[in-house]
C-alpha atoms as a PDB file:
ATOM      1  CA  MET A   1      77.620  94.311 104.644  1.00  0.00           C
ATOM      2  CA  PRO A   2      77.119  91.228 107.126  1.00  0.00           C
ATOM      3  CA  ARG A   3      78.179  91.721 110.714  1.00  0.00           C
ATOM      4  CA  ILE A   4      78.768  89.377 113.408  1.00  0.00           C
ATOM      5  CA  ARG A   5      77.248  90.634 116.606  1.00  0.00           C
ATOM      6  CA  ARG A   6      79.692  89.858 119.532  1.00  0.00           C
ATOM      7  CA  ASN A   7      79.553  90.442 123.300  1.00  0.00           C
ATOM      8  CA  THR A   8      82.988  91.820 123.476  1.00  0.00           C
ATOM      9  CA  ASN A   9      84.602  95.177 122.890  1.00  0.00           C
ATOM     10  CA  GLU A  10      88.077  93.298 121.628  1.00  0.00           C
ATOM     11  CA  PRO A  11      88.843  94.318 118.074  1.00  0.00           C
ATOM     12  CA  GLY A  12      89.362  92.216 115.277  1.00  0.00           C
ATOM     13  CA  ILE A  13      89.975  88.590 115.436  1.00  0.00           C
ATOM     14  CA  ARG A  14      90.436  88.567 118.977  1.00  0.00           C
ATOM     15  CA  GLY A  15      86.806  89.334 119.435  1.00  0.00           C
ATOM     16  CA  LEU A  16      85.718  86.446 117.159  1.00  0.00           C
ATOM     17  CA  PHE A  17      87.899  84.102 118.974  1.00  0.00           C
ATOM     18  CA  ARG A  18      86.146  85.175 122.225  1.00  0.00           C
ATOM     19  CA  PHE A  19      82.705  84.771 120.351  1.00  0.00           C
ATOM     20  CA  ARG A  20      83.731  81.202 119.075  1.00  0.00           C
ATOM     21  CA  PRO A  21      86.652  80.071 121.133  1.00  0.00           C
ATOM     22  CA  GLU A  22      86.715  76.800 119.465  1.00  0.00           C
ATOM     23  CA  THR A  23      87.786  78.306 116.284  1.00  0.00           C
ATOM     24  CA  ALA A  24      91.076  79.758 117.844  1.00  0.00           C
ATOM     25  CA  LEU A  25      92.988  76.510 117.946  1.00  0.00           C
ATOM     26  CA  PRO A  26      92.489  75.392 114.304  1.00  0.00           C
ATOM     27  CA  PHE A  27      93.115  78.841 113.187  1.00  0.00           C
ATOM     28  CA  ASN A  28      96.360  79.185 115.382  1.00  0.00           C
ATOM     29  CA  GLY A  29      97.409  75.953 113.889  1.00  0.00           C
ATOM     30  CA  LEU A  30      96.973  77.358 110.339  1.00  0.00           C
ATOM     31  CA  VAL A  31      98.984  80.438 111.120  1.00  0.00           C
ATOM     32  CA  GLU A  32     101.725  78.352 112.597  1.00  0.00           C
ATOM     33  CA  ALA A  33     102.087  76.335 109.418  1.00  0.00           C
ATOM     34  CA  LEU A  34     101.755  79.161 106.899  1.00  0.00           C
ATOM     35  CA  LEU A  35     104.008  81.790 108.654  1.00  0.00           C
ATOM     36  CA  CYS A  36     106.187  79.788 111.172  1.00  0.00           C
ATOM     37  CA  GLY A  37     107.082  76.702 109.212  1.00  0.00           C
ATOM     38  CA  PRO A  38     110.142  76.281 107.009  1.00  0.00           C
ATOM     39  CA  GLY A  39     110.783  79.564 105.278  1.00  0.00           C
ATOM     40  CA  THR A  40     112.799  82.793 105.498  1.00  0.00           C
ATOM     41  CA  LEU A  41     110.987  84.471 108.623  1.00  0.00           C
ATOM     42  CA  THR A  42     112.490  84.144 111.967  1.00  0.00           C
ATOM     43  CA  ARG A  43     110.512  82.976 115.179  1.00  0.00           C
ATOM     44  CA  GLY A  44     110.111  86.707 116.033  1.00  0.00           C
ATOM     45  CA  ASP A  45     109.040  87.686 112.608  1.00  0.00           C
ATOM     46  CA  CYS A  46     106.249  85.146 112.449  1.00  0.00           C
ATOM     47  CA  SER A  47     105.168  85.718 116.049  1.00  0.00           C
ATOM     48  CA  TYR A  48     101.570  86.715 116.507  1.00  0.00           C
ATOM     49  CA  ALA A  49      99.248  87.432 119.617  1.00  0.00           C
ATOM     50  CA  VAL A  50      95.968  86.021 119.691  1.00  0.00           C
END
Protein backbone atom coordinates (compact mmCIF):
# COMPACT_ATOMS: atom_id res chain seq x y z
CA MET A 1 0.00 0.00 0.00
CA PRO A 2 1.43 3.43 -0.94
CA ARG A 3 2.27 5.81 1.88
CA ILE A 4 2.97 9.54 2.01
CA ARG A 5 5.83 10.30 4.36
CA ARG A 6 5.08 13.41 6.42
CA ASN A 7 7.10 15.44 8.88
CA THR A 8 4.22 15.77 11.33
CA ASN A 9 2.52 13.62 13.92
CA GLU A 10 -0.93 15.03 13.22
CA PRO A 11 -3.37 12.30 12.24
CA GLY A 12 -5.31 11.91 9.04
CA ILE A 13 -6.13 14.79 6.76
CA ARG A 14 -4.65 17.39 9.12
CA GLY A 15 -1.21 15.90 8.59
CA LEU A 16 -1.65 15.97 4.82
CA PHE A 17 -2.72 19.63 4.94
CA ARG A 18 0.45 20.43 6.90
CA PHE A 19 2.47 18.48 4.32
CA ARG A 20 0.82 20.29 1.37
CA PRO A 21 -0.95 23.38 2.78
CA GLU A 22 -1.95 24.63 -0.67
CA THR A 23 -4.42 21.73 -0.88
CA ALA A 24 -6.36 22.77 2.24
CA LEU A 25 -8.22 25.74 0.75
CA PRO A 26 -9.66 23.95 -2.31
CA PHE A 27 -10.56 20.90 -0.24
CA ASN A 28 -12.29 23.03 2.39
CA GLY A 29 -14.25 24.72 -0.39
CA LEU A 30 -15.39 21.33 -1.66
CA VAL A 31 -16.46 20.26 1.82
CA GLU A 32 -18.31 23.55 2.28
CA ALA A 33 -20.16 23.09 -1.02
CA LEU A 34 -21.03 19.43 -0.47
CA LEU A 35 -21.92 19.40 3.22
CA CYS A 36 -22.90 22.96 4.08
CA GLY A 37 -24.74 24.03 0.95
CA PRO A 38 -28.51 23.92 0.59
CA GLY A 39 -29.81 20.79 2.27
CA THR A 40 -31.07 19.30 5.49
CA LEU A 41 -27.90 19.66 7.58
CA THR A 42 -27.70 22.52 10.06
CA ARG A 43 -24.52 24.60 10.23
CA GLY A 44 -23.58 22.69 13.39
CA ASP A 45 -24.13 19.33 11.66
CA CYS A 46 -21.86 20.18 8.76
CA SER A 47 -19.11 21.82 10.80
CA TYR A 48 -15.67 20.35 10.42
CA ALA A 49 -12.28 21.13 11.89
CA VAL A 50 -9.27 21.31 9.63
